[in-house]
Amino acid sequence: MLGHFRTYWQSAKRQKSAAGVVQNQPLDGPALDQIADTISRYGLRLPTLLVLEMGHPLTFLGGQLVLISMPALALFVPAQKIRRFASLLEDQDAMTALVARLEAKET
């Protein structure tokens, strides 16, 4: 059931992107490295890996939750960073790459 939901939303996202409505900036290697470095610097590498591995199928919904809570989060974090974080959560390839970078880091 969750697979059908994800497939539906990914196809809707592609259609919007093709129409020029949604323009997600893909997260490249340096951006993922910066995220992994920040997580490691605060000593949250293992908890982050645990949450990412356990919640991997639900990351798309997490990205949508971040976008829904954007008005409140924007009081503390710039809106552009919130959008990039939400797009990271929605992109399964980027999440896999982030997990690989976090696993490669040693504390």
PDB file of N, CA and C in Angstrom:
ATOM      1  N   MET A   1       0.813  -1.181   0.000  1.00  0.00           N
ATOM      2  CA  MET A   1       0.000   0.000   0.000  1.00  0.00           C
ATOM      3  C   MET A   1       0.867   1.260   0.000  1.00  0.00           C
ATOM      4  N   LEU A   2       1.895   1.276   0.846  1.00  0.00           N
ATOM      5  CA  LEU A   2       2.778   2.439   0.900  1.00  0.00           C
ATOM      6  C   LEU A   2       3.510   2.614  -0.431  1.00  0.00           C
ATOM      7  N   GLY A   3       3.839   1.498  -1.084  1.00  0.00           N
ATOM      8  CA  GLY A   3       4.512   1.571  -2.380  1.00  0.00           C
ATOM      9  C   GLY A   3       3.653   2.253  -3.427  1.00  0.00           C
ATOM     10  N   HIS A   4       2.351   1.965  -3.416  1.00  0.00           N
ATOM     11  CA  HIS A   4       1.439   2.608  -4.358  1.00  0.00           C
ATOM     12  C   HIS A   4       1.340   4.104  -4.077  1.00  0.00           C
ATOM     13  N   PHE A   5       1.289   4.448  -2.795  1.00  0.00           N
ATOM     14  CA  PHE A   5       1.227   5.858  -2.403  1.00  0.00           C
ATOM     15  C   PHE A   5       2.469   6.601  -2.873  1.00  0.00           C
ATOM     16  N   ARG A   6       3.650   6.004  -2.637  1.00  0.00           N
ATOM     17  CA  ARG A   6       4.904   6.633  -3.039  1.00  0.00           C
ATOM     18  C   ARG A   6       4.973   6.780  -4.558  1.00  0.00           C
ATOM     19  N   THR A   7       4.568   5.725  -5.288  1.00  0.00           N
ATOM     20  CA  THR A   7       4.594   5.778  -6.746  1.00  0.00           C
ATOM     21  C   THR A   7       3.688   6.889  -7.267  1.00  0.00           C
ATOM     22  N   TYR A   8       2.510   7.021  -6.666  1.00  0.00           N
ATOM     23  CA  TYR A   8       1.580   8.067  -7.077  1.00  0.00           C
ATOM     24  C   TYR A   8       2.196   9.446  -6.895  1.00  0.00           C
ATOM     25  N   TRP A   9       2.788   9.699  -5.719  1.00  0.00           N
ATOM     26  CA  TRP A   9       3.338  11.014  -5.448  1.00  0.00           C
ATOM     27  C   TRP A   9       4.577  11.299  -6.269  1.00  0.00           C
ATOM     28  N   GLN A  10       5.382  10.282  -6.530  1.00  0.00           N
ATOM     29  CA  GLN A  10       6.566  10.509  -7.366  1.00  0.00           C
ATOM     30  C   GLN A  10       6.159  10.837  -8.796  1.00  0.00           C
ATOM     31  N   SER A  11       5.128  10.155  -9.306  1.00  0.00           N
ATOM     32  CA  SER A  11       4.678  10.482 -10.664  1.00  0.00           C
ATOM     33  C   SER A  11       4.069  11.880 -10.708  1.00  0.00           C
ATOM     34  N   ALA A  12       3.341  12.264  -9.666  1.00  0.00           N
ATOM     35  CA  ALA A  12       2.778  13.615  -9.609  1.00  0.00           C
ATOM     36  C   ALA A  12       3.895  14.653  -9.544  1.00  0.00           C
ATOM     37  N   LYS A  13       4.936  14.348  -8.799  1.00  0.00           N
ATOM     38  CA  LYS A  13       6.068  15.259  -8.676  1.00  0.00           C
ATOM     39  C   LYS A  13       6.776  15.421 -10.026  1.00  0.00           C
ATOM     40  N   ARG A  14       6.950  14.309 -10.755  1.00  0.00           N
ATOM     41  CA  ARG A  14       7.585  14.387 -12.075  1.00  0.00           C
ATOM     42  C   ARG A  14       6.748  15.207 -13.041  1.00  0.00           C
ATOM     43  N   GLN A  15       5.421  15.035 -12.989  1.00  0.00           N
ATOM     44  CA  GLN A  15       4.546  15.791 -13.881  1.00  0.00           C
ATOM     45  C   GLN A  15       4.632  17.284 -13.582  1.00  0.00           C
ATOM     46  N   LYS A  16       4.668  17.644 -12.298  1.00  0.00           N
ATOM     47  CA  LYS A  16       4.796  19.058 -11.933  1.00  0.00           C
ATOM     48  C   LYS A  16       6.148  19.594 -12.354  1.00  0.00           C
ATOM     49  N   SER A  17       7.194  18.783 -12.203  1.00  0.00           N
ATOM     50  CA  SER A  17       8.527  19.228 -12.606  1.00  0.00           C
ATOM     51  C   SER A  17       8.585  19.443 -14.105  1.00  0.00           C
ATOM     52  N   ALA A  18       7.959  18.547 -14.858  1.00  0.00           N
ATOM     53  CA  ALA A  18       7.950  18.688 -16.309  1.00  0.00           C
ATOM     54  C   ALA A  18       7.192  19.945 -16.730  1.00  0.00           C
ATOM     55  N   ALA A  19       6.177  20.303 -15.959  1.00  0.00           N
ATOM     56  CA  ALA A  19       5.402  21.499 -16.277  1.00  0.00           C
ATOM     57  C   ALA A  19       6.087  22.774 -15.799  1.00  0.00           C
ATOM     58  N   GLY A  20       7.157  22.628 -15.026  1.00  0.00           N
ATOM     59  CA  GLY A  20       7.881  23.784 -14.541  1.00  0.00           C
ATOM     60  C   GLY A  20       7.319  24.358 -13.258  1.00  0.00           C
ATOM     61  N   VAL A  21       6.384  23.654 -12.633  1.00  0.00           N
ATOM     62  CA  VAL A  21       5.771  24.156 -11.414  1.00  0.00           C
ATOM     63  C   VAL A  21       6.692  23.940 -10.227  1.00  0.00           C
ATOM     64  N   VAL A  22       7.268  22.762 -10.124  1.00  0.00           N
ATOM     65  CA  VAL A  22       8.149  22.428  -9.015  1.00  0.00           C
ATOM     66  C   VAL A  22       9.573  22.376  -9.532  1.00  0.00           C
ATOM     67  N   GLN A  23      10.457  23.087  -8.896  1.00  0.00           N
ATOM     68  CA  GLN A  23      11.853  23.091  -9.307  1.00  0.00           C
ATOM     69  C   GLN A  23      12.707  22.730  -8.107  1.00  0.00           C
ATOM     70  N   ASN A  24      12.937  21.445  -7.922  1.00  0.00           N
ATOM     71  CA  ASN A  24      13.781  20.997  -6.820  1.00  0.00           C
ATOM     72  C   ASN A  24      15.228  21.052  -7.251  1.00  0.00           C
ATOM     73  N   GLN A  25      16.059  21.601  -6.405  1.00  0.00           N
ATOM     74  CA  GLN A  25      17.480  21.603  -6.676  1.00  0.00           C
ATOM     75  C   GLN A  25      18.047  20.303  -6.140  1.00  0.00           C
ATOM     76  N   PRO A  26      18.665  19.494  -7.000  1.00  0.00           N
ATOM     77  CA  PRO A  26      19.202  18.250  -6.497  1.00  0.00           C
ATOM     78  C   PRO A  26      20.360  18.517  -5.538  1.00  0.00           C
ATOM     79  N   LEU A  27      20.444  17.708  -4.521  1.00  0.00           N
ATOM     80  CA  LEU A  27      21.532  17.839  -3.564  1.00  0.00           C
ATOM     81  C   LEU A  27      22.740  17.110  -4.126  1.00  0.00           C
ATOM     82  N   ASP A  28      23.830  17.822  -4.265  1.00  0.00           N
ATOM     83  CA  ASP A  28      25.029  17.244  -4.825  1.00  0.00           C
ATOM     84  C   ASP A  28      25.924  16.699  -3.715  1.00  0.00           C
ATOM     85  N   GLY A  29      27.056  16.160  -4.101  1.00  0.00           N
ATOM     86  CA  GLY A  29      27.986  15.561  -3.155  1.00  0.00           C
ATOM     87  C   GLY A  29      28.445  16.490  -2.052  1.00  0.00           C
ATOM     88  N   PRO A  30      28.894  17.717  -2.372  1.00  0.00           N
ATOM     89  CA  PRO A  30      29.344  18.617  -1.301  1.00  0.00           C
ATOM     90  C   PRO A  30      28.250  18.961  -0.292  1.00  0.00           C
ATOM     91  N   ALA A  31      27.020  19.111  -0.753  1.00  0.00           N
ATOM     92  CA  ALA A  31      25.928  19.413   0.172  1.00  0.00           C
ATOM     93  C   ALA A  31      25.678  18.236   1.108  1.00  0.00           C
ATOM     94  N   LEU A  32      25.715  17.022   0.570  1.00  0.00           N
ATOM     95  CA  LEU A  32      25.535  15.838   1.411  1.00  0.00           C
ATOM     96  C   LEU A  32      26.703  15.667   2.376  1.00  0.00           C
ATOM     97  N   ASP A  33      27.906  15.987   1.913  1.00  0.00           N
ATOM     98  CA  ASP A  33      29.070  15.925   2.803  1.00  0.00           C
ATOM     99  C   ASP A  33      28.938  16.920   3.952  1.00  0.00           C
ATOM    100  N   GLN A  34      28.431  18.112   3.647  1.00  0.00           N
ATOM    101  CA  GLN A  34      28.249  19.125   4.688  1.00  0.00           C
ATOM    102  C   GLN A  34      27.214  18.662   5.715  1.00  0.00           C
ATOM    103  N   ILE A  35      26.139  18.063   5.247  1.00  0.00           N
ATOM    104  CA  ILE A  35      25.116  17.550   6.162  1.00  0.00           C
ATOM    105  C   ILE A  35      25.702  16.447   7.036  1.00  0.00           C
ATOM    106  N   ALA A  36      26.441  15.521   6.414  1.00  0.00           N
ATOM    107  CA  ALA A  36      27.040  14.419   7.170  1.00  0.00           C
ATOM    108  C   ALA A  36      28.068  14.944   8.175  1.00  0.00           C
ATOM    109  N   ASP A  37      28.858  15.936   7.790  1.00  0.00           N
ATOM    110  CA  ASP A  37      29.840  16.523   8.709  1.00  0.00           C
ATOM    111  C   ASP A  37      29.157  17.189   9.904  1.00  0.00           C
ATOM    112  N   THR A  38      28.064  17.918   9.636  1.00  0.00           N
ATOM    113  CA  THR A  38      27.342  18.586  10.716  1.00  0.00           C
ATOM    114  C   THR A  38      26.754  17.569  11.690  1.00  0.00           C
ATOM    115  N   ILE A  39      26.160  16.523  11.160  1.00  0.00           N
ATOM    116  CA  ILE A  39      25.586  15.480  12.016  1.00  0.00           C
ATOM    117  C   ILE A  39      26.676  14.826  12.853  1.00  0.00           C
ATOM    118  N   SER A  40      27.814  14.531  12.244  1.00  0.00           N
ATOM    119  CA  SER A  40      28.921  13.896  12.976  1.00  0.00           C
ATOM    120  C   SER A  40      29.515  14.841  14.012  1.00  0.00           C
ATOM    121  N   ARG A  41      29.617  16.120  13.682  1.00  0.00           N
ATOM    122  CA  ARG A  41      30.195  17.096  14.601  1.00  0.00           C
ATOM    123  C   ARG A  41      29.390  17.185  15.898  1.00  0.00           C
ATOM    124  N   TYR A  42      28.085  17.064  15.791  1.00  0.00           N
ATOM    125  CA  TYR A  42      27.241  17.131  16.982  1.00  0.00           C
ATOM    126  C   TYR A  42      27.090  15.776  17.674  1.00  0.00           C
ATOM    127  N   GLY A  43      27.772  14.746  17.170  1.00  0.00           N
ATOM    128  CA  GLY A  43      27.729  13.434  17.801  1.00  0.00           C
ATOM    129  C   GLY A  43      26.417  12.692  17.595  1.00  0.00           C
ATOM    130  N   LEU A  44      25.737  12.993  16.514  1.00  0.00           N
ATOM    131  CA  LEU A  44      24.439  12.372  16.254  1.00  0.00           C
ATOM    132  C   LEU A  44      24.479  11.375  15.104  1.00  0.00           C
ATOM    133  N   ARG A  45      25.663  10.891  14.768  1.00  0.00           N
ATOM    134  CA  ARG A  45      25.804   9.983  13.630  1.00  0.00           C
ATOM    135  C   ARG A  45      25.015   8.697  13.824  1.00  0.00           C
ATOM    136  N   LEU A  46      25.211   8.013  14.946  1.00  0.00           N
ATOM    137  CA  LEU A  46      24.529   6.743  15.173  1.00  0.00           C
ATOM    138  C   LEU A  46      23.012   6.897  15.324  1.00  0.00           C
ATOM    139  N   PRO A  47      22.518   7.874  16.106  1.00  0.00           N
ATOM    140  CA  PRO A  47      21.056   8.034  16.157  1.00  0.00           C
ATOM    141  C   PRO A  47      20.454   8.376  14.794  1.00  0.00           C
ATOM    142  N   THR A  48      21.182   9.180  14.019  1.00  0.00           N
ATOM    143  CA  THR A  48      20.683   9.543  12.696  1.00  0.00           C
ATOM    144  C   THR A  48      20.631   8.322  11.791  1.00  0.00           C
ATOM    145  N   LEU A  49      21.679   7.504  11.824  1.00  0.00           N
ATOM    146  CA  LEU A  49      21.677   6.284  11.022  1.00  0.00           C
ATOM    147  C   LEU A  49      20.528   5.362  11.428  1.00  0.00           C
ATOM    148  N   LEU A  50      20.294   5.245  12.717  1.00  0.00           N
ATOM    149  CA  LEU A  50      19.214   4.397  13.199  1.00  0.00           C
ATOM    150  C   LEU A  50      17.862   4.881  12.675  1.00  0.00           C
ATOM    151  N   VAL A  51      17.621   6.174  12.791  1.00  0.00           N
ATOM    152  CA  VAL A  51      16.344   6.733  12.327  1.00  0.00           C
ATOM    153  C   VAL A  51      16.212   6.614  10.814  1.00  0.00           C
ATOM    154  N   LEU A  52      17.282   6.899  10.077  1.00  0.00           N
ATOM    155  CA  LEU A  52      17.213   6.830   8.614  1.00  0.00           C
ATOM    156  C   LEU A  52      17.000   5.407   8.123  1.00  0.00           C
ATOM    157  N   GLU A  53      17.661   4.451   8.750  1.00  0.00           N
ATOM    158  CA  GLU A  53      17.504   3.063   8.317  1.00  0.00           C
ATOM    159  C   GLU A  53      16.117   2.519   8.658  1.00  0.00           C
ATOM    160  N   MET A  54      15.632   2.841   9.845  1.00  0.00           N
ATOM    161  CA  MET A  54      14.314   2.331  10.246  1.00  0.00           C
ATOM    162  C   MET A  54      13.177   3.040   9.514  1.00  0.00           C
ATOM    163  N   GLY A  55      13.332   4.317   9.280  1.00  0.00           N
ATOM    164  CA  GLY A  55      12.256   5.088   8.672  1.00  0.00           C
ATOM    165  C   GLY A  55      12.417   5.321   7.189  1.00  0.00           C
ATOM    166  N   HIS A  56      13.293   4.568   6.535  1.00  0.00           N
ATOM    167  CA  HIS A  56      13.563   4.789   5.112  1.00  0.00           C
ATOM    168  C   HIS A  56      12.296   4.774   4.248  1.00  0.00           C
ATOM    169  N   PRO A  57      11.365   3.854   4.471  1.00  0.00           N
ATOM    170  CA  PRO A  57      10.155   3.874   3.629  1.00  0.00           C
ATOM    171  C   PRO A  57       9.261   5.094   3.880  1.00  0.00           C
ATOM    172  N   LEU A  58       9.426   5.760   4.997  1.00  0.00           N
ATOM    173  CA  LEU A  58       8.548   6.874   5.345  1.00  0.00           C
ATOM    174  C   LEU A  58       9.179   8.239   5.110  1.00  0.00           C
ATOM    175  N   THR A  59      10.328   8.277   4.446  1.00  0.00           N
ATOM    176  CA  THR A  59      11.022   9.550   4.279  1.00  0.00           C
ATOM    177  C   THR A  59      10.232  10.541   3.431  1.00  0.00           C
ATOM    178  N   PHE A  60       9.490  10.046   2.451  1.00  0.00           N
ATOM    179  CA  PHE A  60       8.691  10.953   1.629  1.00  0.00           C
ATOM    180  C   PHE A  60       7.657  11.676   2.491  1.00  0.00           C
ATOM    181  N   LEU A  61       7.000  10.916   3.368  1.00  0.00           N
ATOM    182  CA  LEU A  61       6.018  11.532   4.252  1.00  0.00           C
ATOM    183  C   LEU A  61       6.686  12.511   5.213  1.00  0.00           C
ATOM    184  N   GLY A  62       7.900  12.195   5.637  1.00  0.00           N
ATOM    185  CA  GLY A  62       8.650  13.114   6.494  1.00  0.00           C
ATOM    186  C   GLY A  62       8.934  14.423   5.783  1.00  0.00           C
ATOM    187  N   GLY A  63       9.276  14.340   4.505  1.00  0.00           N
ATOM    188  CA  GLY A  63       9.508  15.551   3.717  1.00  0.00           C
ATOM    189  C   GLY A  63       8.256  16.401   3.603  1.00  0.00           C
ATOM    190  N   GLN A  64       7.113  15.740   3.430  1.00  0.00           N
ATOM    191  CA  GLN A  64       5.860  16.469   3.364  1.00  0.00           C
ATOM    192  C   GLN A  64       5.522  17.108   4.711  1.00  0.00           C
ATOM    193  N   LEU A  65       5.833  16.406   5.794  1.00  0.00           N
ATOM    194  CA  LEU A  65       5.601  16.953   7.129  1.00  0.00           C
ATOM    195  C   LEU A  65       6.462  18.196   7.376  1.00  0.00           C
ATOM    196  N   VAL A  66       7.699  18.152   6.884  1.00  0.00           N
ATOM    197  CA  VAL A  66       8.573  19.322   7.017  1.00  0.00           C
ATOM    198  C   VAL A  66       7.994  20.503   6.248  1.00  0.00           C
ATOM    199  N   LEU A  67       7.470  20.244   5.053  1.00  0.00           N
ATOM    200  CA  LEU A  67       6.887  21.334   4.269  1.00  0.00           C
ATOM    201  C   LEU A  67       5.624  21.894   4.931  1.00  0.00           C
ATOM    202  N   ILE A  68       4.843  21.012   5.539  1.00  0.00           N
ATOM    203  CA  ILE A  68       3.633  21.477   6.224  1.00  0.00           C
ATOM    204  C   ILE A  68       3.996  22.356   7.418  1.00  0.00           C
ATOM    205  N   SER A  69       5.052  21.984   8.122  1.00  0.00           N
ATOM    206  CA  SER A  69       5.445  22.748   9.308  1.00  0.00           C
ATOM    207  C   SER A  69       6.392  23.901   8.975  1.00  0.00           C
ATOM    208  N   MET A  70       6.554  24.184   7.703  1.00  0.00           N
ATOM    209  CA  MET A  70       7.476  25.229   7.271  1.00  0.00           C
ATOM    210  C   MET A  70       7.192  26.611   7.863  1.00  0.00           C
ATOM    211  N   PRO A  71       5.939  27.039   7.992  1.00  0.00           N
ATOM    212  CA  PRO A  71       5.717  28.367   8.593  1.00  0.00           C
ATOM    213  C   PRO A  71       6.288  28.496  10.006  1.00  0.00           C
ATOM    214  N   ALA A  72       6.153  27.446  10.798  1.00  0.00           N
ATOM    215  CA  ALA A  72       6.697  27.501  12.155  1.00  0.00           C
ATOM    216  C   ALA A  72       8.214  27.364  12.138  1.00  0.00           C
ATOM    217  N   LEU A  73       8.733  26.473  11.296  1.00  0.00           N
ATOM    218  CA  LEU A  73      10.182  26.282  11.227  1.00  0.00           C
ATOM    219  C   LEU A  73      10.896  27.505  10.680  1.00  0.00           C
ATOM    220  N   ALA A  74      10.208  28.269   9.819  1.00  0.00           N
ATOM    221  CA  ALA A  74      10.827  29.443   9.204  1.00  0.00           C
ATOM    222  C   ALA A  74      11.153  30.524  10.230  1.00  0.00           C
ATOM    223  N   LEU A  75      10.600  30.421  11.408  1.00  0.00           N
ATOM    224  CA  LEU A  75      10.965  31.363  12.462  1.00  0.00           C
ATOM    225  C   LEU A  75      12.404  31.145  12.930  1.00  0.00           C
ATOM    226  N   PHE A  76      12.903  29.928  12.763  1.00  0.00           N
ATOM    227  CA  PHE A  76      14.221  29.570  13.266  1.00  0.00           C
ATOM    228  C   PHE A  76      15.245  29.258  12.171  1.00  0.00           C
ATOM    229  N   VAL A  77      14.762  28.813  11.013  1.00  0.00           N
ATOM    230  CA  VAL A  77      15.641  28.359   9.931  1.00  0.00           C
ATOM    231  C   VAL A  77      15.183  29.034   8.639  1.00  0.00           C
ATOM    232  N   PRO A  78      16.114  29.463   7.784  1.00  0.00           N
ATOM    233  CA  PRO A  78      15.715  30.065   6.508  1.00  0.00           C
ATOM    234  C   PRO A  78      14.873  29.106   5.657  1.00  0.00           C
ATOM    235  N   ALA A  79      13.906  29.637   4.953  1.00  0.00           N
ATOM    236  CA  ALA A  79      12.968  28.828   4.169  1.00  0.00           C
ATOM    237  C   ALA A  79      13.687  27.987   3.113  1.00  0.00           C
ATOM    238  N   GLN A  80      14.745  28.530   2.515  1.00  0.00           N
ATOM    239  CA  GLN A  80      15.467  27.776   1.486  1.00  0.00           C
ATOM    240  C   GLN A  80      16.080  26.500   2.072  1.00  0.00           C
ATOM    241  N   LYS A  81      16.613  26.575   3.288  1.00  0.00           N
ATOM    242  CA  LYS A  81      17.184  25.384   3.921  1.00  0.00           C
ATOM    243  C   LYS A  81      16.100  24.363   4.245  1.00  0.00           C
ATOM    244  N   ILE A  82      14.927  24.836   4.623  1.00  0.00           N
ATOM    245  CA  ILE A  82      13.820  23.920   4.916  1.00  0.00           C
ATOM    246  C   ILE A  82      13.399  23.189   3.645  1.00  0.00           C
ATOM    247  N   ARG A  83      13.290  23.912   2.543  1.00  0.00           N
ATOM    248  CA  ARG A  83      12.914  23.282   1.273  1.00  0.00           C
ATOM    249  C   ARG A  83      13.952  22.267   0.824  1.00  0.00           C
ATOM    250  N   ARG A  84      15.225  22.608   0.982  1.00  0.00           N
ATOM    251  CA  ARG A  84      16.282  21.661   0.587  1.00  0.00           C
ATOM    252  C   ARG A  84      16.258  20.409   1.463  1.00  0.00           C
ATOM    253  N   PHE A  85      15.992  20.578   2.756  1.00  0.00           N
ATOM    254  CA  PHE A  85      15.903  19.434   3.643  1.00  0.00           C
ATOM    255  C   PHE A  85      14.714  18.546   3.262  1.00  0.00           C
ATOM    256  N   ALA A  86      13.582  19.175   2.941  1.00  0.00           N
ATOM    257  CA  ALA A  86      12.407  18.409   2.520  1.00  0.00           C
ATOM    258  C   ALA A  86      12.687  17.660   1.222  1.00  0.00           C
ATOM    259  N   SER A  87      13.384  18.302   0.285  1.00  0.00           N
ATOM    260  CA  SER A  87      13.704  17.616  -0.973  1.00  0.00           C
ATOM    261  C   SER A  87      14.698  16.479  -0.725  1.00  0.00           C
ATOM    262  N   LEU A  88      15.582  16.640   0.255  1.00  0.00           N
ATOM    263  CA  LEU A  88      16.488  15.545   0.616  1.00  0.00           C
ATOM    264  C   LEU A  88      15.686  14.355   1.123  1.00  0.00           C
ATOM    265  N   LEU A  89      14.724  14.612   1.999  1.00  0.00           N
ATOM    266  CA  LEU A  89      13.916  13.517   2.542  1.00  0.00           C
ATOM    267  C   LEU A  89      13.095  12.822   1.460  1.00  0.00           C
ATOM    268  N   GLU A  90      12.649  13.562   0.467  1.00  0.00           N
ATOM    269  CA  GLU A  90      11.828  12.983  -0.588  1.00  0.00           C
ATOM    270  C   GLU A  90      12.637  12.222  -1.628  1.00  0.00           C
ATOM    271  N   ASP A  91      13.918  12.493  -1.743  1.00  0.00           N
ATOM    272  CA  ASP A  91      14.776  11.861  -2.751  1.00  0.00           C
ATOM    273  C   ASP A  91      15.430  10.610  -2.163  1.00  0.00           C
ATOM    274  N   GLN A  92      14.988   9.441  -2.614  1.00  0.00           N
ATOM    275  CA  GLN A  92      15.481   8.185  -2.064  1.00  0.00           C
ATOM    276  C   GLN A  92      16.969   7.981  -2.361  1.00  0.00           C
ATOM    277  N   ASP A  93      17.425   8.402  -3.534  1.00  0.00           N
ATOM    278  CA  ASP A  93      18.843   8.249  -3.875  1.00  0.00           C
ATOM    279  C   ASP A  93      19.727   9.111  -2.975  1.00  0.00           C
ATOM    280  N   ALA A  94      19.276  10.330  -2.698  1.00  0.00           N
ATOM    281  CA  ALA A  94      20.041  11.212  -1.820  1.00  0.00           C
ATOM    282  C   ALA A  94      20.075  10.660  -0.401  1.00  0.00           C
ATOM    283  N   MET A  95      18.967  10.075   0.051  1.00  0.00           N
ATOM    284  CA  MET A  95      18.945   9.489   1.395  1.00  0.00           C
ATOM    285  C   MET A  95      19.922   8.317   1.484  1.00  0.00           C
ATOM    286  N   THR A  96      19.964   7.505   0.449  1.00  0.00           N
ATOM    287  CA  THR A  96      20.900   6.378   0.428  1.00  0.00           C
ATOM    288  C   THR A  96      22.337   6.883   0.437  1.00  0.00           C
ATOM    289  N   ALA A  97      22.602   7.944  -0.329  1.00  0.00           N
ATOM    290  CA  ALA A  97      23.954   8.513  -0.355  1.00  0.00           C
ATOM    291  C   ALA A  97      24.323   9.116   0.999  1.00  0.00           C
ATOM    292  N   LEU A  98      23.377   9.760   1.673  1.00  0.00           N
ATOM    293  CA  LEU A  98      23.644  10.325   2.993  1.00  0.00           C
ATOM    294  C   LEU A  98      23.946   9.223   4.003  1.00  0.00           C
ATOM    295  N   VAL A  99      23.192   8.139   3.957  1.00  0.00           N
ATOM    296  CA  VAL A  99      23.450   7.010   4.856  1.00  0.00           C
ATOM    297  C   VAL A  99      24.844   6.447   4.599  1.00  0.00           C
ATOM    298  N   ALA A 100      25.229   6.326   3.327  1.00  0.00           N
ATOM    299  CA  ALA A 100      26.558   5.811   2.993  1.00  0.00           C
ATOM    300  C   ALA A 100      27.653   6.737   3.516  1.00  0.00           C
ATOM    301  N   ARG A 101      27.442   8.056   3.409  1.00  0.00           N
ATOM    302  CA  ARG A 101      28.438   9.004   3.915  1.00  0.00           C
ATOM    303  C   ARG A 101      28.543   8.953   5.438  1.00  0.00           C
ATOM    304  N   LEU A 102      27.395   8.795   6.097  1.00  0.00           N
ATOM    305  CA  LEU A 102      27.408   8.705   7.558  1.00  0.00           C
ATOM    306  C   LEU A 102      28.065   7.404   8.023  1.00  0.00           C
ATOM    307  N   GLU A 103      27.841   6.323   7.302  1.00  0.00           N
ATOM    308  CA  GLU A 103      28.449   5.049   7.666  1.00  0.00           C
ATOM    309  C   GLU A 103      29.966   5.096   7.462  1.00  0.00           C
ATOM    310  N   ALA A 104      30.408   5.870   6.489  1.00  0.00           N
ATOM    311  CA  ALA A 104      31.841   5.954   6.206  1.00  0.00           C
ATOM    312  C   ALA A 104      32.589   6.781   7.249  1.00  0.00           C
ATOM    313  N   LYS A 105      31.861   7.656   7.937  1.00  0.00           N
ATOM    314  CA  LYS A 105      32.513   8.505   8.943  1.00  0.00           C
ATOM    315  C   LYS A 105      32.746   7.712  10.225  1.00  0.00           C
ATOM    316  N   GLU A 106      33.908   7.908  10.805  1.00  0.00           N
ATOM    317  CA  GLU A 106      34.245   7.282  12.079  1.00  0.00           C
ATOM    318  C   GLU A 106      34.256   8.353  13.157  1.00  0.00           C
ATOM    319  N   THR A 107      33.717   8.041  14.314  1.00  0.00           N
ATOM    320  CA  THR A 107      33.715   9.035  15.391  1.00  0.00           C
ATOM    321  C   THR A 107      34.948   8.916  16.232  1.00  0.00           C
TER     322      THR A 107
END
